[in-house]
Amino acid sequence: MTTSQLRPVAAHVLRHLARAQARGRAVRLDELASDIGVRREDVRQAVSSLHSEGHVDAQRMRLTMTGFAIASSMRECKLREPRIRERVSQVNVA
């Protein structure tokens, strides 16, 4: 996944984790993927990237203070829909 494809997924991950954290809920990767509408692998890659940047604790699936600050600043923003679904090539068999 390219960086330009990862950004919208990461933004949605931050927002979803902030909501869950505010409610005291734990969130799983498959739940995030379903809510966002992307593959589990895409969410895993976004979480790994956010973890390496210091915004998410990937083991606990919780935001760090910087992650929470970023998510809070995006609260009123309209997020771009992530379009990660792989295109399936059609193969004609003669």
N, C-alpha and C. Protein backbone atom coordinates (compact mmCIF):
# COMPACT_ATOMS: atom_id res chain seq x y z
N MET A 1 0.86 -1.17 0.00
CA MET A 1 0.00 0.00 0.00
C MET A 1 0.90 1.23 0.00
N THR A 2 0.58 2.20 -0.84
CA THR A 2 1.38 3.41 -0.90
C THR A 2 1.01 4.36 0.24
N THR A 3 1.86 5.33 0.47
CA THR A 3 1.61 6.30 1.54
C THR A 3 0.32 7.06 1.31
N SER A 4 0.05 7.42 0.06
CA SER A 4 -1.19 8.17 -0.22
C SER A 4 -2.43 7.33 0.04
N GLN A 5 -2.32 6.00 -0.10
CA GLN A 5 -3.45 5.12 0.22
C GLN A 5 -3.55 4.87 1.72
N LEU A 6 -2.42 4.93 2.40
CA LEU A 6 -2.38 4.65 3.83
C LEU A 6 -2.94 5.80 4.67
N ARG A 7 -2.77 7.02 4.23
CA ARG A 7 -3.20 8.19 5.02
C ARG A 7 -4.68 8.17 5.40
N PRO A 8 -5.61 7.95 4.44
CA PRO A 8 -7.02 7.94 4.85
C PRO A 8 -7.34 6.82 5.84
N VAL A 9 -6.71 5.66 5.66
CA VAL A 9 -6.93 4.54 6.59
C VAL A 9 -6.41 4.92 7.97
N ALA A 10 -5.23 5.51 8.03
CA ALA A 10 -4.64 5.92 9.31
C ALA A 10 -5.51 6.96 10.01
N ALA A 11 -6.06 7.90 9.25
CA ALA A 11 -6.94 8.91 9.84
C ALA A 11 -8.19 8.27 10.45
N HIS A 12 -8.77 7.32 9.74
CA HIS A 12 -9.95 6.62 10.26
C HIS A 12 -9.59 5.78 11.48
N VAL A 13 -8.42 5.15 11.46
CA VAL A 13 -7.97 4.36 12.61
C VAL A 13 -7.84 5.25 13.84
N LEU A 14 -7.20 6.40 13.68
CA LEU A 14 -7.06 7.33 14.81
C LEU A 14 -8.41 7.74 15.36
N ARG A 15 -9.33 8.10 14.47
CA ARG A 15 -10.65 8.55 14.92
C ARG A 15 -11.41 7.43 15.63
N HIS A 16 -11.38 6.21 15.08
CA HIS A 16 -12.08 5.10 15.70
C HIS A 16 -11.47 4.73 17.06
N LEU A 17 -10.15 4.72 17.12
CA LEU A 17 -9.51 4.41 18.40
C LEU A 17 -9.82 5.47 19.45
N ALA A 18 -9.88 6.73 19.05
CA ALA A 18 -10.21 7.80 20.00
C ALA A 18 -11.62 7.62 20.55
N ARG A 19 -12.56 7.31 19.67
CA ARG A 19 -13.95 7.08 20.14
C ARG A 19 -14.01 5.91 21.11
N ALA A 20 -13.36 4.82 20.74
CA ALA A 20 -13.38 3.63 21.59
C ALA A 20 -12.71 3.91 22.92
N GLN A 21 -11.59 4.59 22.88
CA GLN A 21 -10.85 4.90 24.11
C GLN A 21 -11.67 5.81 25.02
N ALA A 22 -12.38 6.76 24.45
CA ALA A 22 -13.22 7.66 25.24
C ALA A 22 -14.35 6.90 25.94
N ARG A 23 -14.80 5.81 25.32
CA ARG A 23 -15.86 4.98 25.90
C ARG A 23 -15.32 3.87 26.80
N GLY A 24 -13.98 3.76 26.87
CA GLY A 24 -13.37 2.73 27.69
C GLY A 24 -13.43 1.35 27.06
N ARG A 25 -13.57 1.29 25.74
CA ARG A 25 -13.67 0.03 25.01
C ARG A 25 -12.34 -0.35 24.39
N ALA A 26 -12.10 -1.64 24.30
CA ALA A 26 -10.95 -2.16 23.55
C ALA A 26 -11.44 -2.43 22.12
N VAL A 27 -10.54 -2.27 21.16
CA VAL A 27 -10.89 -2.48 19.75
C VAL A 27 -9.92 -3.48 19.15
N ARG A 28 -10.46 -4.38 18.33
CA ARG A 28 -9.63 -5.37 17.63
C ARG A 28 -9.43 -4.93 16.18
N LEU A 29 -8.37 -5.45 15.56
CA LEU A 29 -8.08 -5.11 14.17
C LEU A 29 -9.24 -5.44 13.24
N ASP A 30 -9.83 -6.61 13.39
CA ASP A 30 -10.91 -7.00 12.50
C ASP A 30 -12.14 -6.11 12.67
N GLU A 31 -12.38 -5.65 13.88
CA GLU A 31 -13.48 -4.73 14.13
C GLU A 31 -13.22 -3.38 13.46
N LEU A 32 -11.99 -2.88 13.58
CA LEU A 32 -11.62 -1.63 12.91
C LEU A 32 -11.76 -1.76 11.41
N ALA A 33 -11.27 -2.85 10.85
CA ALA A 33 -11.35 -3.07 9.41
C ALA A 33 -12.80 -3.08 8.93
N SER A 34 -13.65 -3.74 9.66
CA SER A 34 -15.06 -3.79 9.30
C SER A 34 -15.71 -2.42 9.38
N ASP A 35 -15.44 -1.68 10.44
CA ASP A 35 -16.01 -0.34 10.61
C ASP A 35 -15.55 0.63 9.54
N ILE A 36 -14.28 0.53 9.17
CA ILE A 36 -13.70 1.45 8.18
C ILE A 36 -14.04 1.01 6.76
N GLY A 37 -14.18 -0.30 6.57
CA GLY A 37 -14.51 -0.83 5.25
C GLY A 37 -13.29 -1.15 4.40
N VAL A 38 -12.22 -1.57 5.07
CA VAL A 38 -10.99 -1.95 4.37
C VAL A 38 -10.54 -3.32 4.87
N ARG A 39 -9.52 -3.86 4.23
CA ARG A 39 -9.00 -5.16 4.64
C ARG A 39 -8.27 -5.05 5.98
N ARG A 40 -8.26 -6.16 6.70
CA ARG A 40 -7.58 -6.23 8.00
C ARG A 40 -6.09 -5.91 7.84
N GLU A 41 -5.50 -6.36 6.75
CA GLU A 41 -4.08 -6.12 6.50
C GLU A 41 -3.79 -4.63 6.34
N ASP A 42 -4.73 -3.89 5.74
CA ASP A 42 -4.56 -2.45 5.57
C ASP A 42 -4.59 -1.74 6.92
N VAL A 43 -5.48 -2.19 7.80
CA VAL A 43 -5.55 -1.61 9.15
C VAL A 43 -4.28 -1.96 9.91
N ARG A 44 -3.80 -3.18 9.77
CA ARG A 44 -2.57 -3.59 10.45
C ARG A 44 -1.40 -2.72 10.00
N GLN A 45 -1.32 -2.46 8.70
CA GLN A 45 -0.24 -1.62 8.19
C GLN A 45 -0.35 -0.19 8.71
N ALA A 46 -1.57 0.34 8.76
CA ALA A 46 -1.78 1.69 9.28
C ALA A 46 -1.42 1.77 10.75
N VAL A 47 -1.84 0.77 11.54
CA VAL A 47 -1.52 0.75 12.96
C VAL A 47 -0.01 0.64 13.17
N SER A 48 0.65 -0.18 12.37
CA SER A 48 2.12 -0.31 12.48
C SER A 48 2.81 1.00 12.18
N SER A 49 2.34 1.69 11.15
CA SER A 49 2.91 2.98 10.79
C SER A 49 2.68 4.01 11.90
N LEU A 50 1.46 4.05 12.41
CA LEU A 50 1.14 4.99 13.50
C LEU A 50 1.94 4.65 14.76
N HIS A 51 2.18 3.36 14.99
CA HIS A 51 2.99 2.94 16.13
C HIS A 51 4.43 3.43 15.98
N SER A 52 4.98 3.26 14.77
CA SER A 52 6.37 3.69 14.56
C SER A 52 6.53 5.20 14.66
N GLU A 53 5.44 5.93 14.40
CA GLU A 53 5.47 7.40 14.53
C GLU A 53 5.17 7.85 15.96
N GLY A 54 4.79 6.90 16.83
CA GLY A 54 4.54 7.22 18.23
C GLY A 54 3.12 7.66 18.55
N HIS A 55 2.17 7.38 17.66
CA HIS A 55 0.79 7.82 17.87
C HIS A 55 -0.13 6.73 18.41
N VAL A 56 0.29 5.47 18.27
CA VAL A 56 -0.53 4.34 18.72
C VAL A 56 0.37 3.34 19.43
N ASP A 57 -0.13 2.78 20.52
CA ASP A 57 0.51 1.65 21.17
C ASP A 57 -0.12 0.41 20.52
N ALA A 58 0.59 -0.21 19.59
CA ALA A 58 0.03 -1.30 18.80
C ALA A 58 -0.28 -2.54 19.64
N GLN A 59 0.46 -2.80 20.69
CA GLN A 59 0.21 -3.98 21.52
C GLN A 59 -1.10 -3.85 22.28
N ARG A 60 -1.39 -2.66 22.74
CA ARG A 60 -2.61 -2.42 23.52
C ARG A 60 -3.75 -1.86 22.68
N MET A 61 -3.46 -1.54 21.41
CA MET A 61 -4.44 -0.93 20.51
C MET A 61 -5.08 0.30 21.17
N ARG A 62 -4.19 1.17 21.65
CA ARG A 62 -4.62 2.41 22.29
C ARG A 62 -3.79 3.57 21.75
N LEU A 63 -4.40 4.74 21.75
CA LEU A 63 -3.70 5.93 21.31
C LEU A 63 -2.72 6.41 22.37
N THR A 64 -1.63 6.98 21.92
CA THR A 64 -0.72 7.68 22.83
C THR A 64 -1.29 9.10 22.97
N MET A 65 -0.62 9.91 23.75
CA MET A 65 -1.10 11.30 23.92
C MET A 65 -1.06 12.05 22.59
N THR A 66 0.00 11.85 21.79
CA THR A 66 0.05 12.55 20.50
C THR A 66 -1.03 12.03 19.56
N GLY A 67 -1.27 10.74 19.59
CA GLY A 67 -2.34 10.16 18.76
C GLY A 67 -3.70 10.71 19.15
N PHE A 68 -3.92 10.82 20.46
CA PHE A 68 -5.19 11.36 20.93
C PHE A 68 -5.34 12.83 20.54
N ALA A 69 -4.25 13.58 20.60
CA ALA A 69 -4.29 15.00 20.20
C ALA A 69 -4.61 15.14 18.72
N ILE A 70 -3.99 14.29 17.89
CA ILE A 70 -4.26 14.34 16.45
C ILE A 70 -5.72 13.97 16.18
N ALA A 71 -6.18 12.89 16.81
CA ALA A 71 -7.57 12.46 16.61
C ALA A 71 -8.55 13.53 17.07
N SER A 72 -8.25 14.19 18.17
CA SER A 72 -9.11 15.27 18.67
C SER A 72 -9.16 16.44 17.69
N SER A 73 -8.03 16.74 17.08
CA SER A 73 -8.00 17.86 16.13
C SER A 73 -8.77 17.53 14.85
N MET A 74 -8.97 16.24 14.57
CA MET A 74 -9.70 15.82 13.37
C MET A 74 -11.18 15.58 13.64
N ARG A 75 -11.61 15.81 14.85
CA ARG A 75 -12.98 15.49 15.24
C ARG A 75 -14.03 16.08 14.32
N GLU A 76 -13.86 17.31 13.91
CA GLU A 76 -14.84 17.99 13.07
C GLU A 76 -14.54 17.88 11.57
N CYS A 77 -13.45 17.23 11.22
CA CYS A 77 -13.04 17.13 9.81
C CYS A 77 -13.85 16.05 9.09
N LYS A 78 -14.11 16.30 7.84
CA LYS A 78 -14.70 15.27 6.98
C LYS A 78 -13.54 14.47 6.40
N LEU A 79 -13.49 13.19 6.74
CA LEU A 79 -12.39 12.35 6.29
C LEU A 79 -12.68 11.77 4.91
N ARG A 80 -11.63 11.63 4.12
CA ARG A 80 -11.74 11.02 2.81
C ARG A 80 -11.98 9.52 2.99
N GLU A 81 -12.83 8.97 2.15
CA GLU A 81 -13.11 7.54 2.21
C GLU A 81 -11.88 6.76 1.74
N PRO A 82 -11.49 5.76 2.50
CA PRO A 82 -10.36 4.94 2.05
C PRO A 82 -10.81 4.02 0.92
N ARG A 83 -10.04 3.96 -0.14
CA ARG A 83 -10.35 3.10 -1.28
C ARG A 83 -9.18 2.16 -1.49
N ILE A 84 -9.17 1.09 -0.74
CA ILE A 84 -8.03 0.19 -0.73
C ILE A 84 -8.36 -1.14 -1.42
N ARG A 85 -9.60 -1.44 -1.59
CA ARG A 85 -9.98 -2.73 -2.14
C ARG A 85 -9.20 -3.04 -3.41
N GLU A 86 -8.63 -4.21 -3.46
CA GLU A 86 -7.85 -4.62 -4.62
C GLU A 86 -8.79 -4.92 -5.78
N ARG A 87 -8.40 -4.52 -6.96
CA ARG A 87 -9.16 -4.85 -8.15
C ARG A 87 -8.88 -6.30 -8.53
N VAL A 88 -9.94 -6.99 -8.86
CA VAL A 88 -9.80 -8.38 -9.26
C VAL A 88 -9.78 -8.41 -10.78
N SER A 89 -8.72 -8.96 -11.33
CA SER A 89 -8.61 -9.07 -12.78
C SER A 89 -9.48 -10.21 -13.27
N GLN A 90 -10.16 -9.97 -14.37
CA GLN A 90 -10.96 -11.02 -14.98
C GLN A 90 -10.09 -11.73 -16.00
N VAL A 91 -10.11 -13.02 -15.95
CA VAL A 91 -9.33 -13.83 -16.87
C VAL A 91 -10.30 -14.58 -17.75
N ASN A 92 -10.18 -14.40 -19.05
CA ASN A 92 -11.03 -15.12 -19.99
C ASN A 92 -10.36 -16.45 -20.34
N VAL A 93 -11.08 -17.49 -20.15
CA VAL A 93 -10.58 -18.80 -20.48
C VAL A 93 -11.29 -19.26 -21.74
N ALA A 94 -10.53 -19.62 -22.77
CA ALA A 94 -11.12 -20.03 -24.04
C ALA A 94 -11.31 -21.52 -24.09
